[in-house]
Amino acid sequence: QVQLVESGGGLVQAGGSLRLSCAASGHTLSIYAMGWFRQAPGKEREIVASISRSGGVTNYADSVKGRFTISRDNAKNTVYLEMNSLKPEDTGEYYCAAGSWSYRLAAMDGVAYWGKGALVTVSS
């Protein structure tokens, strides 16, 4: 019954920044841990970042650590992903997800709801 809608994707030059948003409806977002996954062309879907229900704990894939920041505003039922120093290898479809992984880095098996995705293209 949870609907997740991503926005903010687009084309950006390498080294640039982009901010993705994920707006939720259907239930209060605060009961779910949240995460961002991505899938590059020809590759498997992978975790990018995740955040606990209250927003107090965040985890990141090694490939984006130090460059990306996940955050949430439960009052707005929205999750964000700030992406800085973007690289061509960051290109892919980015998916917002809700689950119950709490303080651990999210994994595919823990996802209860998926957004439809937002395309991010980083040019060289």
PDB file of N, CA and C in Angstrom:
ATOM      1  N   GLN A   1       0.801  -1.201   0.000  1.00  0.00           N
ATOM      2  CA  GLN A   1       0.000   0.000   0.000  1.00  0.00           C
ATOM      3  C   GLN A   1       0.846   1.268   0.000  1.00  0.00           C
ATOM      4  N   VAL A   2       2.164   1.107   0.055  1.00  0.00           N
ATOM      5  CA  VAL A   2       3.074   2.251   0.016  1.00  0.00           C
ATOM      6  C   VAL A   2       3.472   2.526  -1.428  1.00  0.00           C
ATOM      7  N   GLN A   3       3.363   3.767  -1.816  1.00  0.00           N
ATOM      8  CA  GLN A   3       3.783   4.198  -3.136  1.00  0.00           C
ATOM      9  C   GLN A   3       4.987   5.125  -3.004  1.00  0.00           C
ATOM     10  N   LEU A   4       6.007   4.870  -3.804  1.00  0.00           N
ATOM     11  CA  LEU A   4       7.225   5.655  -3.783  1.00  0.00           C
ATOM     12  C   LEU A   4       7.456   6.234  -5.168  1.00  0.00           C
ATOM     13  N   VAL A   5       7.673   7.535  -5.228  1.00  0.00           N
ATOM     14  CA  VAL A   5       7.871   8.218  -6.499  1.00  0.00           C
ATOM     15  C   VAL A   5       9.160   9.015  -6.459  1.00  0.00           C
ATOM     16  N   GLU A   6      10.107   8.665  -7.334  1.00  0.00           N
ATOM     17  CA  GLU A   6      11.383   9.353  -7.406  1.00  0.00           C
ATOM     18  C   GLU A   6      11.302  10.552  -8.342  1.00  0.00           C
ATOM     19  N   SER A   7      12.145  11.532  -8.085  1.00  0.00           N
ATOM     20  CA  SER A   7      12.272  12.687  -8.958  1.00  0.00           C
ATOM     21  C   SER A   7      13.677  13.252  -8.814  1.00  0.00           C
ATOM     22  N   GLY A   8      14.077  14.060  -9.775  1.00  0.00           N
ATOM     23  CA  GLY A   8      15.366  14.719  -9.705  1.00  0.00           C
ATOM     24  C   GLY A   8      16.447  14.120 -10.575  1.00  0.00           C
ATOM     25  N   GLY A   9      16.138  13.050 -11.284  1.00  0.00           N
ATOM     26  CA  GLY A   9      17.120  12.454 -12.169  1.00  0.00           C
ATOM     27  C   GLY A   9      17.364  13.325 -13.385  1.00  0.00           C
ATOM     28  N   GLY A  10      18.398  12.987 -14.133  1.00  0.00           N
ATOM     29  CA  GLY A  10      18.712  13.751 -15.323  1.00  0.00           C
ATOM     30  C   GLY A  10      20.136  13.535 -15.779  1.00  0.00           C
ATOM     31  N   LEU A  11      20.575  14.416 -16.648  1.00  0.00           N
ATOM     32  CA  LEU A  11      21.918  14.360 -17.204  1.00  0.00           C
ATOM     33  C   LEU A  11      22.815  15.367 -16.503  1.00  0.00           C
ATOM     34  N   VAL A  12      23.996  14.917 -16.119  1.00  0.00           N
ATOM     35  CA  VAL A  12      24.944  15.791 -15.440  1.00  0.00           C
ATOM     36  C   VAL A  12      26.360  15.463 -15.893  1.00  0.00           C
ATOM     37  N   GLN A  13      27.205  16.472 -15.911  1.00  0.00           N
ATOM     38  CA  GLN A  13      28.602  16.295 -16.282  1.00  0.00           C
ATOM     39  C   GLN A  13      29.375  15.626 -15.152  1.00  0.00           C
ATOM     40  N   ALA A  14      30.376  14.837 -15.506  1.00  0.00           N
ATOM     41  CA  ALA A  14      31.231  14.223 -14.494  1.00  0.00           C
ATOM     42  C   ALA A  14      31.801  15.297 -13.572  1.00  0.00           C
ATOM     43  N   GLY A  15      31.783  15.007 -12.279  1.00  0.00           N
ATOM     44  CA  GLY A  15      32.231  15.972 -11.295  1.00  0.00           C
ATOM     45  C   GLY A  15      31.119  16.841 -10.752  1.00  0.00           C
ATOM     46  N   GLY A  16      29.965  16.779 -11.376  1.00  0.00           N
ATOM     47  CA  GLY A  16      28.838  17.581 -10.960  1.00  0.00           C
ATOM     48  C   GLY A  16      28.021  16.933  -9.865  1.00  0.00           C
ATOM     49  N   SER A  17      26.895  17.560  -9.549  1.00  0.00           N
ATOM     50  CA  SER A  17      26.042  17.104  -8.462  1.00  0.00           C
ATOM     51  C   SER A  17      24.600  16.974  -8.915  1.00  0.00           C
ATOM     52  N   LEU A  18      23.876  16.138  -8.210  1.00  0.00           N
ATOM     53  CA  LEU A  18      22.470  15.916  -8.487  1.00  0.00           C
ATOM     54  C   LEU A  18      21.794  15.504  -7.186  1.00  0.00           C
ATOM     55  N   ARG A  19      20.546  15.889  -7.022  1.00  0.00           N
ATOM     56  CA  ARG A  19      19.787  15.510  -5.836  1.00  0.00           C
ATOM     57  C   ARG A  19      18.521  14.772  -6.240  1.00  0.00           C
ATOM     58  N   LEU A  20      18.378  13.573  -5.733  1.00  0.00           N
ATOM     59  CA  LEU A  20      17.186  12.779  -5.972  1.00  0.00           C
ATOM     60  C   LEU A  20      16.249  12.876  -4.781  1.00  0.00           C
ATOM     61  N   SER A  21      14.960  12.858  -5.060  1.00  0.00           N
ATOM     62  CA  SER A  21      13.951  12.863  -4.015  1.00  0.00           C
ATOM     63  C   SER A  21      13.030  11.664  -4.197  1.00  0.00           C
ATOM     64  N   CYS A  22      12.519  11.166  -3.105  1.00  0.00           N
ATOM     65  CA  CYS A  22      11.578  10.049  -3.120  1.00  0.00           C
ATOM     66  C   CYS A  22      10.421  10.416  -2.216  1.00  0.00           C
ATOM     67  N   ALA A  23       9.267  10.660  -2.807  1.00  0.00           N
ATOM     68  CA  ALA A  23       8.075  11.021  -2.058  1.00  0.00           C
ATOM     69  C   ALA A  23       7.205   9.794  -1.851  1.00  0.00           C
ATOM     70  N   ALA A  24       6.777   9.585  -0.624  1.00  0.00           N
ATOM     71  CA  ALA A  24       5.975   8.415  -0.278  1.00  0.00           C
ATOM     72  C   ALA A  24       4.542   8.792   0.040  1.00  0.00           C
ATOM     73  N   SER A  25       3.644   7.889  -0.264  1.00  0.00           N
ATOM     74  CA  SER A  25       2.245   8.051   0.089  1.00  0.00           C
ATOM     75  C   SER A  25       1.671   6.687   0.467  1.00  0.00           C
ATOM     76  N   GLY A  26       0.534   6.692   1.148  1.00  0.00           N
ATOM     77  CA  GLY A  26      -0.117   5.446   1.530  1.00  0.00           C
ATOM     78  C   GLY A  26       0.069   5.059   2.989  1.00  0.00           C
ATOM     79  N   HIS A  27       1.167   5.497   3.583  1.00  0.00           N
ATOM     80  CA  HIS A  27       1.454   5.220   4.979  1.00  0.00           C
ATOM     81  C   HIS A  27       2.539   6.159   5.469  1.00  0.00           C
ATOM     82  N   THR A  28       2.594   6.348   6.777  1.00  0.00           N
ATOM     83  CA  THR A  28       3.634   7.182   7.365  1.00  0.00           C
ATOM     84  C   THR A  28       5.000   6.561   7.106  1.00  0.00           C
ATOM     85  N   LEU A  29       5.892   7.323   6.493  1.00  0.00           N
ATOM     86  CA  LEU A  29       7.189   6.805   6.095  1.00  0.00           C
ATOM     87  C   LEU A  29       8.070   6.433   7.274  1.00  0.00           C
ATOM     88  N   SER A  30       7.823   7.004   8.425  1.00  0.00           N
ATOM     89  CA  SER A  30       8.688   6.805   9.582  1.00  0.00           C
ATOM     90  C   SER A  30       8.758   5.363  10.073  1.00  0.00           C
ATOM     91  N   ILE A  31       7.833   4.517   9.695  1.00  0.00           N
ATOM     92  CA  ILE A  31       7.861   3.130  10.151  1.00  0.00           C
ATOM     93  C   ILE A  31       8.813   2.268   9.322  1.00  0.00           C
ATOM     94  N   TYR A  32       9.377   2.827   8.268  1.00  0.00           N
ATOM     95  CA  TYR A  32      10.271   2.079   7.392  1.00  0.00           C
ATOM     96  C   TYR A  32      11.680   2.638   7.376  1.00  0.00           C
ATOM     97  N   ALA A  33      12.649   1.735   7.353  1.00  0.00           N
ATOM     98  CA  ALA A  33      13.980   2.127   6.942  1.00  0.00           C
ATOM     99  C   ALA A  33      13.911   2.343   5.432  1.00  0.00           C
ATOM    100  N   MET A  34      14.770   3.202   4.908  1.00  0.00           N
ATOM    101  CA  MET A  34      14.718   3.530   3.491  1.00  0.00           C
ATOM    102  C   MET A  34      16.079   3.336   2.842  1.00  0.00           C
ATOM    103  N   GLY A  35      16.060   3.176   1.549  1.00  0.00           N
ATOM    104  CA  GLY A  35      17.314   3.005   0.836  1.00  0.00           C
ATOM    105  C   GLY A  35      17.217   3.445  -0.610  1.00  0.00           C
ATOM    106  N   TRP A  36      18.380   3.604  -1.204  1.00  0.00           N
ATOM    107  CA  TRP A  36      18.497   3.875  -2.630  1.00  0.00           C
ATOM    108  C   TRP A  36      19.328   2.770  -3.262  1.00  0.00           C
ATOM    109  N   PHE A  37      18.830   2.223  -4.347  1.00  0.00           N
ATOM    110  CA  PHE A  37      19.537   1.239  -5.141  1.00  0.00           C
ATOM    111  C   PHE A  37      19.744   1.818  -6.532  1.00  0.00           C
ATOM    112  N   ARG A  38      20.640   1.213  -7.282  1.00  0.00           N
ATOM    113  CA  ARG A  38      20.819   1.629  -8.664  1.00  0.00           C
ATOM    114  C   ARG A  38      21.157   0.421  -9.519  1.00  0.00           C
ATOM    115  N   GLN A  39      20.884   0.560 -10.799  1.00  0.00           N
ATOM    116  CA  GLN A  39      21.186  -0.495 -11.751  1.00  0.00           C
ATOM    117  C   GLN A  39      21.747   0.140 -13.012  1.00  0.00           C
ATOM    118  N   ALA A  40      23.016  -0.126 -13.259  1.00  0.00           N
ATOM    119  CA  ALA A  40      23.674   0.372 -14.453  1.00  0.00           C
ATOM    120  C   ALA A  40      23.352  -0.539 -15.631  1.00  0.00           C
ATOM    121  N   PRO A  41      23.457  -0.022 -16.848  1.00  0.00           N
ATOM    122  CA  PRO A  41      23.192  -0.850 -18.030  1.00  0.00           C
ATOM    123  C   PRO A  41      24.052  -2.107 -18.043  1.00  0.00           C
ATOM    124  N   GLY A  42      23.420  -3.255 -18.184  1.00  0.00           N
ATOM    125  CA  GLY A  42      24.136  -4.511 -18.249  1.00  0.00           C
ATOM    126  C   GLY A  42      24.648  -5.042 -16.930  1.00  0.00           C
ATOM    127  N   LYS A  43      24.287  -4.406 -15.820  1.00  0.00           N
ATOM    128  CA  LYS A  43      24.766  -4.832 -14.515  1.00  0.00           C
ATOM    129  C   LYS A  43      23.610  -5.138 -13.572  1.00  0.00           C
ATOM    130  N   GLU A  44      23.929  -5.805 -12.466  1.00  0.00           N
ATOM    131  CA  GLU A  44      22.930  -6.141 -11.461  1.00  0.00           C
ATOM    132  C   GLU A  44      22.579  -4.927 -10.612  1.00  0.00           C
ATOM    133  N   ARG A  45      21.372  -4.940 -10.076  1.00  0.00           N
ATOM    134  CA  ARG A  45      20.964  -3.873  -9.175  1.00  0.00           C
ATOM    135  C   ARG A  45      21.779  -3.958  -7.890  1.00  0.00           C
ATOM    136  N   GLU A  46      22.223  -2.810  -7.393  1.00  0.00           N
ATOM    137  CA  GLU A  46      23.063  -2.777  -6.215  1.00  0.00           C
ATOM    138  C   GLU A  46      22.623  -1.690  -5.243  1.00  0.00           C
ATOM    139  N   ILE A  47      22.925  -1.919  -3.972  1.00  0.00           N
ATOM    140  CA  ILE A  47      22.618  -0.930  -2.950  1.00  0.00           C
ATOM    141  C   ILE A  47      23.551   0.256  -3.094  1.00  0.00           C
ATOM    142  N   VAL A  48      23.020   1.441  -2.868  1.00  0.00           N
ATOM    143  CA  VAL A  48      23.798   2.674  -2.882  1.00  0.00           C
ATOM    144  C   VAL A  48      23.924   3.234  -1.476  1.00  0.00           C
ATOM    145  N   ALA A  49      22.797   3.387  -0.795  1.00  0.00           N
ATOM    146  CA  ALA A  49      22.776   3.960   0.545  1.00  0.00           C
ATOM    147  C   ALA A  49      21.490   3.586   1.243  1.00  0.00           C
ATOM    148  N   SER A  50      21.515   3.579   2.565  1.00  0.00           N
ATOM    149  CA  SER A  50      20.305   3.313   3.329  1.00  0.00           C
ATOM    150  C   SER A  50      20.302   4.147   4.600  1.00  0.00           C
ATOM    151  N   ILE A  51      19.124   4.293   5.173  1.00  0.00           N
ATOM    152  CA  ILE A  51      18.954   5.140   6.338  1.00  0.00           C
ATOM    153  C   ILE A  51      17.922   4.524   7.270  1.00  0.00           C
ATOM    154  N   SER A  52      18.142   4.674   8.573  1.00  0.00           N
ATOM    155  CA  SER A  52      17.244   4.098   9.560  1.00  0.00           C
ATOM    156  C   SER A  52      15.932   4.866   9.624  1.00  0.00           C
ATOM    157  N   ARG A  53      14.978   4.321  10.372  1.00  0.00           N
ATOM    158  CA  ARG A  53      13.641   4.914  10.431  1.00  0.00           C
ATOM    159  C   ARG A  53      13.628   6.361  10.899  1.00  0.00           C
ATOM    160  N   SER A  54      14.449   6.672  11.876  1.00  0.00           N
ATOM    161  CA  SER A  54      14.498   8.025  12.401  1.00  0.00           C
ATOM    162  C   SER A  54      15.478   8.917  11.652  1.00  0.00           C
ATOM    163  N   GLY A  55      16.314   8.317  10.817  1.00  0.00           N
ATOM    164  CA  GLY A  55      17.315   9.067  10.095  1.00  0.00           C
ATOM    165  C   GLY A  55      18.641   9.182  10.822  1.00  0.00           C
ATOM    166  N   GLY A  56      18.753   8.556  11.987  1.00  0.00           N
ATOM    167  CA  GLY A  56      19.945   8.687  12.793  1.00  0.00           C
ATOM    168  C   GLY A  56      21.131   7.859  12.356  1.00  0.00           C
ATOM    169  N   VAL A  57      20.894   6.823  11.569  1.00  0.00           N
ATOM    170  CA  VAL A  57      21.960   5.940  11.122  1.00  0.00           C
ATOM    171  C   VAL A  57      21.909   5.810   9.608  1.00  0.00           C
ATOM    172  N   THR A  58      23.042   6.034   8.965  1.00  0.00           N
ATOM    173  CA  THR A  58      23.137   5.888   7.517  1.00  0.00           C
ATOM    174  C   THR A  58      24.260   4.930   7.158  1.00  0.00           C
ATOM    175  N   ASN A  59      24.106   4.267   6.022  1.00  0.00           N
ATOM    176  CA  ASN A  59      25.120   3.353   5.515  1.00  0.00           C
ATOM    177  C   ASN A  59      25.263   3.566   4.018  1.00  0.00           C
ATOM    178  N   TYR A  60      26.473   3.342   3.531  1.00  0.00           N
ATOM    179  CA  TYR A  60      26.757   3.584   2.124  1.00  0.00           C
ATOM    180  C   TYR A  60      27.585   2.461   1.523  1.00  0.00           C
ATOM    181  N   ALA A  61      27.343   2.217   0.248  1.00  0.00           N
ATOM    182  CA  ALA A  61      28.222   1.329  -0.490  1.00  0.00           C
ATOM    183  C   ALA A  61      29.592   1.985  -0.583  1.00  0.00           C
ATOM    184  N   ASP A  62      30.638   1.168  -0.593  1.00  0.00           N
ATOM    185  CA  ASP A  62      31.990   1.711  -0.653  1.00  0.00           C
ATOM    186  C   ASP A  62      32.208   2.600  -1.882  1.00  0.00           C
ATOM    187  N   SER A  63      31.538   2.285  -2.964  1.00  0.00           N
ATOM    188  CA  SER A  63      31.730   3.014  -4.206  1.00  0.00           C
ATOM    189  C   SER A  63      31.240   4.463  -4.151  1.00  0.00           C
ATOM    190  N   VAL A  64      30.359   4.778  -3.206  1.00  0.00           N
ATOM    191  CA  VAL A  64      29.810   6.127  -3.129  1.00  0.00           C
ATOM    192  C   VAL A  64      30.121   6.825  -1.818  1.00  0.00           C
ATOM    193  N   LYS A  65      30.747   6.128  -0.896  1.00  0.00           N
ATOM    194  CA  LYS A  65      31.055   6.689   0.415  1.00  0.00           C
ATOM    195  C   LYS A  65      31.899   7.950   0.284  1.00  0.00           C
ATOM    196  N   GLY A  66      31.462   9.001   0.962  1.00  0.00           N
ATOM    197  CA  GLY A  66      32.164  10.270   0.901  1.00  0.00           C
ATOM    198  C   GLY A  66      31.670  11.186  -0.198  1.00  0.00           C
ATOM    199  N   ARG A  67      30.895  10.652  -1.128  1.00  0.00           N
ATOM    200  CA  ARG A  67      30.378  11.445  -2.240  1.00  0.00           C
ATOM    201  C   ARG A  67      28.863  11.632  -2.177  1.00  0.00           C
ATOM    202  N   PHE A  68      28.169  10.621  -1.683  1.00  0.00           N
ATOM    203  CA  PHE A  68      26.707  10.654  -1.612  1.00  0.00           C
ATOM    204  C   PHE A  68      26.246  10.805  -0.170  1.00  0.00           C
ATOM    205  N   THR A  69      25.094  11.436   0.008  1.00  0.00           N
ATOM    206  CA  THR A  69      24.502  11.585   1.327  1.00  0.00           C
ATOM    207  C   THR A  69      23.013  11.271   1.257  1.00  0.00           C
ATOM    208  N   ILE A  70      22.574  10.320   2.065  1.00  0.00           N
ATOM    209  CA  ILE A  70      21.157  10.004   2.150  1.00  0.00           C
ATOM    210  C   ILE A  70      20.576  10.701   3.372  1.00  0.00           C
ATOM    211  N   SER A  71      19.372  11.213   3.237  1.00  0.00           N
ATOM    212  CA  SER A  71      18.702  11.878   4.343  1.00  0.00           C
ATOM    213  C   SER A  71      17.200  11.685   4.198  1.00  0.00           C
ATOM    214  N   ARG A  72      16.473  12.028   5.247  1.00  0.00           N
ATOM    215  CA  ARG A  72      15.030  11.888   5.181  1.00  0.00           C
ATOM    216  C   ARG A  72      14.351  12.965   5.995  1.00  0.00           C
ATOM    217  N   ASP A  73      13.144  13.304   5.588  1.00  0.00           N
ATOM    218  CA  ASP A  73      12.301  14.240   6.298  1.00  0.00           C
ATOM    219  C   ASP A  73      10.971  13.532   6.477  1.00  0.00           C
ATOM    220  N   ASN A  74      10.795  12.902   7.629  1.00  0.00           N
ATOM    221  CA  ASN A  74       9.595  12.109   7.853  1.00  0.00           C
ATOM    222  C   ASN A  74       8.320  12.944   7.890  1.00  0.00           C
ATOM    223  N   ALA A  75       8.437  14.200   8.285  1.00  0.00           N
ATOM    224  CA  ALA A  75       7.276  15.088   8.294  1.00  0.00           C
ATOM    225  C   ALA A  75       6.755  15.311   6.882  1.00  0.00           C
ATOM    226  N   LYS A  76       7.648  15.235   5.899  1.00  0.00           N
ATOM    227  CA  LYS A  76       7.276  15.411   4.499  1.00  0.00           C
ATOM    228  C   LYS A  76       7.145  14.079   3.767  1.00  0.00           C
ATOM    229  N   ASN A  77       7.364  12.973   4.479  1.00  0.00           N
ATOM    230  CA  ASN A  77       7.328  11.642   3.863  1.00  0.00           C
ATOM    231  C   ASN A  77       8.236  11.582   2.634  1.00  0.00           C
ATOM    232  N   THR A  78       9.442  12.099   2.800  1.00  0.00           N
ATOM    233  CA  THR A  78      10.368  12.202   1.685  1.00  0.00           C
ATOM    234  C   THR A  78      11.768  11.758   2.084  1.00  0.00           C
ATOM    235  N   VAL A  79      12.442  11.071   1.164  1.00  0.00           N
ATOM    236  CA  VAL A  79      13.820  10.650   1.320  1.00  0.00           C
ATOM    237  C   VAL A  79      14.633  11.276   0.201  1.00  0.00           C
ATOM    238  N   TYR A  80      15.866  11.647   0.507  1.00  0.00           N
ATOM    239  CA  TYR A  80      16.719  12.318  -0.459  1.00  0.00           C
ATOM    240  C   TYR A  80      18.033  11.578  -0.650  1.00  0.00           C
ATOM    241  N   LEU A  81      18.635  11.793  -1.801  1.00  0.00           N
ATOM    242  CA  LEU A  81      19.979  11.318  -2.062  1.00  0.00           C
ATOM    243  C   LEU A  81      20.745  12.438  -2.741  1.00  0.00           C
ATOM    244  N   GLU A  82      21.671  13.042  -2.003  1.00  0.00           N
ATOM    245  CA  GLU A  82      22.549  14.065  -2.556  1.00  0.00           C
ATOM    246  C   GLU A  82      23.763  13.373  -3.154  1.00  0.00           C
ATOM    247  N   MET A  83      23.998  13.606  -4.426  1.00  0.00           N
ATOM    248  CA  MET A  83      25.093  12.970  -5.133  1.00  0.00           C
ATOM    249  C   MET A  83      26.074  14.030  -5.597  1.00  0.00           C
ATOM    250  N   ASN A  84      27.295  13.930  -5.128  1.00  0.00           N
ATOM    251  CA  ASN A  84      28.347  14.874  -5.479  1.00  0.00           C
ATOM    252  C   ASN A  84      29.507  14.156  -6.143  1.00  0.00           C
ATOM    253  N   SER A  85      30.354  14.923  -6.823  1.00  0.00           N
ATOM    254  CA  SER A  85      31.521  14.369  -7.509  1.00  0.00           C
ATOM    255  C   SER A  85      31.138  13.162  -8.353  1.00  0.00           C
ATOM    256  N   LEU A  86      30.107  13.322  -9.123  1.00  0.00           N
ATOM    257  CA  LEU A  86      29.576  12.209  -9.909  1.00  0.00           C
ATOM    258  C   LEU A  86      30.566  11.720 -10.959  1.00  0.00           C
ATOM    259  N   LYS A  87      30.547  10.414 -11.170  1.00  0.00           N
ATOM    260  CA  LYS A  87      31.414   9.756 -12.129  1.00  0.00           C
ATOM    261  C   LYS A  87      30.561   9.057 -13.185  1.00  0.00           C
ATOM    262  N   PRO A  88      31.111   8.826 -14.364  1.00  0.00           N
ATOM    263  CA  PRO A  88      30.349   8.109 -15.389  1.00  0.00           C
ATOM    264  C   PRO A  88      29.825   6.760 -14.898  1.00  0.00           C
ATOM    265  N   GLU A  89      30.564   6.081 -14.030  1.00  0.00           N
ATOM    266  CA  GLU A  89      30.130   4.796 -13.511  1.00  0.00           C
ATOM    267  C   GLU A  89      28.946   4.891 -12.551  1.00  0.00           C
ATOM    268  N   ASP A  90      28.554   6.105 -12.173  1.00  0.00           N
ATOM    269  CA  ASP A  90      27.357   6.306 -11.366  1.00  0.00           C
ATOM    270  C   ASP A  90      26.094   6.275 -12.211  1.00  0.00           C
ATOM    271  N   THR A  91      26.250   6.250 -13.511  1.00  0.00           N
ATOM    272  CA  THR A  91      25.114   6.225 -14.422  1.00  0.00           C
ATOM    273  C   THR A  91      24.249   4.993 -14.194  1.00  0.00           C
ATOM    274  N   GLY A  92      22.944   5.186 -14.183  1.00  0.00           N
ATOM    275  CA  GLY A  92      22.037   4.069 -14.033  1.00  0.00           C
ATOM    276  C   GLY A  92      20.651   4.516 -13.618  1.00  0.00           C
ATOM    277  N   GLU A  93      19.795   3.548 -13.435  1.00  0.00           N
ATOM    278  CA  GLU A  93      18.456   3.794 -12.941  1.00  0.00           C
ATOM    279  C   GLU A  93      18.498   3.714 -11.422  1.00  0.00           C
ATOM    280  N   TYR A  94      18.060   4.762 -10.756  1.00  0.00           N
ATOM    281  CA  TYR A  94      18.088   4.820  -9.295  1.00  0.00           C
ATOM    282  C   TYR A  94      16.701   4.559  -8.732  1.00  0.00           C
ATOM    283  N   TYR A  95      16.635   3.623  -7.798  1.00  0.00           N
ATOM    284  CA  TYR A  95      15.370   3.205  -7.212  1.00  0.00           C
ATOM    285  C   TYR A  95      15.309   3.497  -5.723  1.00  0.00           C
ATOM    286  N   CYS A  96      14.239   4.117  -5.309  1.00  0.00           N
ATOM    287  CA  CYS A  96      13.952   4.311  -3.904  1.00  0.00           C
ATOM    288  C   CYS A  96      13.283   3.041  -3.368  1.00  0.00           C
ATOM    289  N   ALA A  97      13.594   2.668  -2.133  1.00  0.00           N
ATOM    290  CA  ALA A  97      13.036   1.456  -1.559  1.00  0.00           C
ATOM    291  C   ALA A  97      12.747   1.624  -0.075  1.00  0.00           C
ATOM    292  N   ALA A  98      11.720   0.931   0.396  1.00  0.00           N
ATOM    293  CA  ALA A  98      11.353   0.910   1.806  1.00  0.00           C
ATOM    294  C   ALA A  98      11.451  -0.511   2.329  1.00  0.00           C
ATOM    295  N   GLY A  99      11.947  -0.667   3.562  1.00  0.00           N
ATOM    296  CA  GLY A  99      12.099  -1.994   4.130  1.00  0.00           C
ATOM    297  C   GLY A  99      12.259  -1.960   5.629  1.00  0.00           C
ATOM    298  N   SER A 100      12.863  -3.034   6.165  1.00  0.00           N
ATOM    299  CA  SER A 100      12.988  -3.182   7.605  1.00  0.00           C
ATOM    300  C   SER A 100      14.397  -3.554   8.030  1.00  0.00           C
ATOM    301  N   TRP A 101      15.391  -3.055   7.328  1.00  0.00           N
ATOM    302  CA  TRP A 101      16.777  -3.397   7.620  1.00  0.00           C
ATOM    303  C   TRP A 101      17.360  -2.612   8.790  1.00  0.00           C
ATOM    304  N   SER A 102      16.643  -1.665   9.292  1.00  0.00           N
ATOM    305  CA  SER A 102      17.024  -0.839  10.446  1.00  0.00           C
ATOM    306  C   SER A 102      18.397  -0.201  10.278  1.00  0.00           C
ATOM    307  N   TYR A 103      19.397  -0.622  11.091  1.00  0.00           N
ATOM    308  CA  TYR A 103      20.685   0.059  11.119  1.00  0.00           C
ATOM    309  C   TYR A 103      21.726  -0.525  10.173  1.00  0.00           C
ATOM    310  N   ARG A 104      21.365  -1.578   9.461  1.00  0.00           N
ATOM    311  CA  ARG A 104      22.303  -2.211   8.537  1.00  0.00           C
ATOM    312  C   ARG A 104      22.147  -1.654   7.130  1.00  0.00           C
ATOM    313  N   LEU A 105      23.170  -1.836   6.327  1.00  0.00           N
ATOM    314  CA  LEU A 105      23.082  -1.458   4.925  1.00  0.00           C
ATOM    315  C   LEU A 105      22.003  -2.307   4.262  1.00  0.00           C
ATOM    316  N   ALA A 106      21.124  -1.677   3.523  1.00  0.00           N
ATOM    317  CA  ALA A 106      20.017  -2.377   2.898  1.00  0.00           C
ATOM    318  C   ALA A 106      20.499  -3.405   1.888  1.00  0.00           C
ATOM    319  N   ALA A 107      19.684  -4.432   1.700  1.00  0.00           N
ATOM    320  CA  ALA A 107      19.948  -5.462   0.709  1.00  0.00           C
ATOM    321  C   ALA A 107      18.663  -5.748  -0.050  1.00  0.00           C
ATOM    322  N   MET A 108      18.803  -6.330  -1.213  1.00  0.00           N
ATOM    323  CA  MET A 108      17.641  -6.620  -2.046  1.00  0.00           C
ATOM    324  C   MET A 108      16.583  -7.432  -1.312  1.00  0.00           C
ATOM    325  N   ASP A 109      17.026  -8.401  -0.505  1.00  0.00           N
ATOM    326  CA  ASP A 109      16.100  -9.289   0.193  1.00  0.00           C
ATOM    327  C   ASP A 109      15.224  -8.568   1.205  1.00  0.00           C
ATOM    328  N   GLY A 110      15.651  -7.405   1.675  1.00  0.00           N
ATOM    329  CA  GLY A 110      14.914  -6.689   2.696  1.00  0.00           C
ATOM    330  C   GLY A 110      13.932  -5.662   2.185  1.00  0.00           C
ATOM    331  N   VAL A 111      13.824  -5.509   0.892  1.00  0.00           N
ATOM    332  CA  VAL A 111      12.962  -4.486   0.316  1.00  0.00           C
ATOM    333  C   VAL A 111      11.509  -4.933   0.306  1.00  0.00           C
ATOM    334  N   ALA A 112      10.639  -4.090   0.862  1.00  0.00           N
ATOM    335  CA  ALA A 112       9.208  -4.353   0.861  1.00  0.00           C
ATOM    336  C   ALA A 112       8.495  -3.602  -0.262  1.00  0.00           C
ATOM    337  N   TYR A 113       8.969  -2.403  -0.565  1.00  0.00           N
ATOM    338  CA  TYR A 113       8.364  -1.574  -1.604  1.00  0.00           C
ATOM    339  C   TYR A 113       9.441  -0.911  -2.449  1.00  0.00           C
ATOM    340  N   TRP A 114       9.181  -0.838  -3.742  1.00  0.00           N
ATOM    341  CA  TRP A 114      10.088  -0.199  -4.696  1.00  0.00           C
ATOM    342  C   TRP A 114       9.425   0.985  -5.372  1.00  0.00           C
ATOM    343  N   GLY A 115      10.218   2.013  -5.652  1.00  0.00           N
ATOM    344  CA  GLY A 115       9.776   3.063  -6.540  1.00  0.00           C
ATOM    345  C   GLY A 115       9.979   2.603  -7.970  1.00  0.00           C
ATOM    346  N   LYS A 116       9.508   3.382  -8.914  1.00  0.00           N
ATOM    347  CA  LYS A 116       9.614   3.011 -10.323  1.00  0.00           C
ATOM    348  C   LYS A 116      10.945   3.371 -10.952  1.00  0.00           C
ATOM    349  N   GLY A 117      11.734   4.178 -10.283  1.00  0.00           N
ATOM    350  CA  GLY A 117      13.065   4.499 -10.746  1.00  0.00           C
ATOM    351  C   GLY A 117      13.188   5.883 -11.348  1.00  0.00           C
ATOM    352  N   ALA A 118      14.405   6.394 -11.322  1.00  0.00           N
ATOM    353  CA  ALA A 118      14.756   7.669 -11.935  1.00  0.00           C
ATOM    354  C   ALA A 118      16.099   7.511 -12.617  1.00  0.00           C
ATOM    355  N   LEU A 119      16.183   7.931 -13.856  1.00  0.00           N
ATOM    356  CA  LEU A 119      17.409   7.763 -14.626  1.00  0.00           C
ATOM    357  C   LEU A 119      18.412   8.864 -14.325  1.00  0.00           C
ATOM    358  N   VAL A 120      19.630   8.451 -14.029  1.00  0.00           N
ATOM    359  CA  VAL A 120      20.739   9.372 -13.814  1.00  0.00           C
ATOM    360  C   VAL A 120      21.819   9.047 -14.833  1.00  0.00           C
ATOM    361  N   THR A 121      22.189  10.028 -15.624  1.00  0.00           N
ATOM    362  CA  THR A 121      23.224   9.840 -16.626  1.00  0.00           C
ATOM    363  C   THR A 121      24.355  10.828 -16.371  1.00  0.00           C
ATOM    364  N   VAL A 122      25.548  10.301 -16.195  1.00  0.00           N
ATOM    365  CA  VAL A 122      26.728  11.125 -15.952  1.00  0.00           C
ATOM    366  C   VAL A 122      27.618  11.044 -17.181  1.00  0.00           C
ATOM    367  N   SER A 123      27.796  12.157 -17.836  1.00  0.00           N
ATOM    368  CA  SER A 123      28.600  12.197 -19.049  1.00  0.00           C
ATOM    369  C   SER A 123      30.050  12.475 -18.720  1.00  0.00           C
ATOM    370  N   SER A 124      30.940  12.001 -19.581  1.00  0.00           N
ATOM    371  CA  SER A 124      32.370  12.204 -19.398  1.00  0.00           C
ATOM    372  C   SER A 124      32.866  13.437 -20.125  1.00  0.00           C
TER     373      SER A 124
END
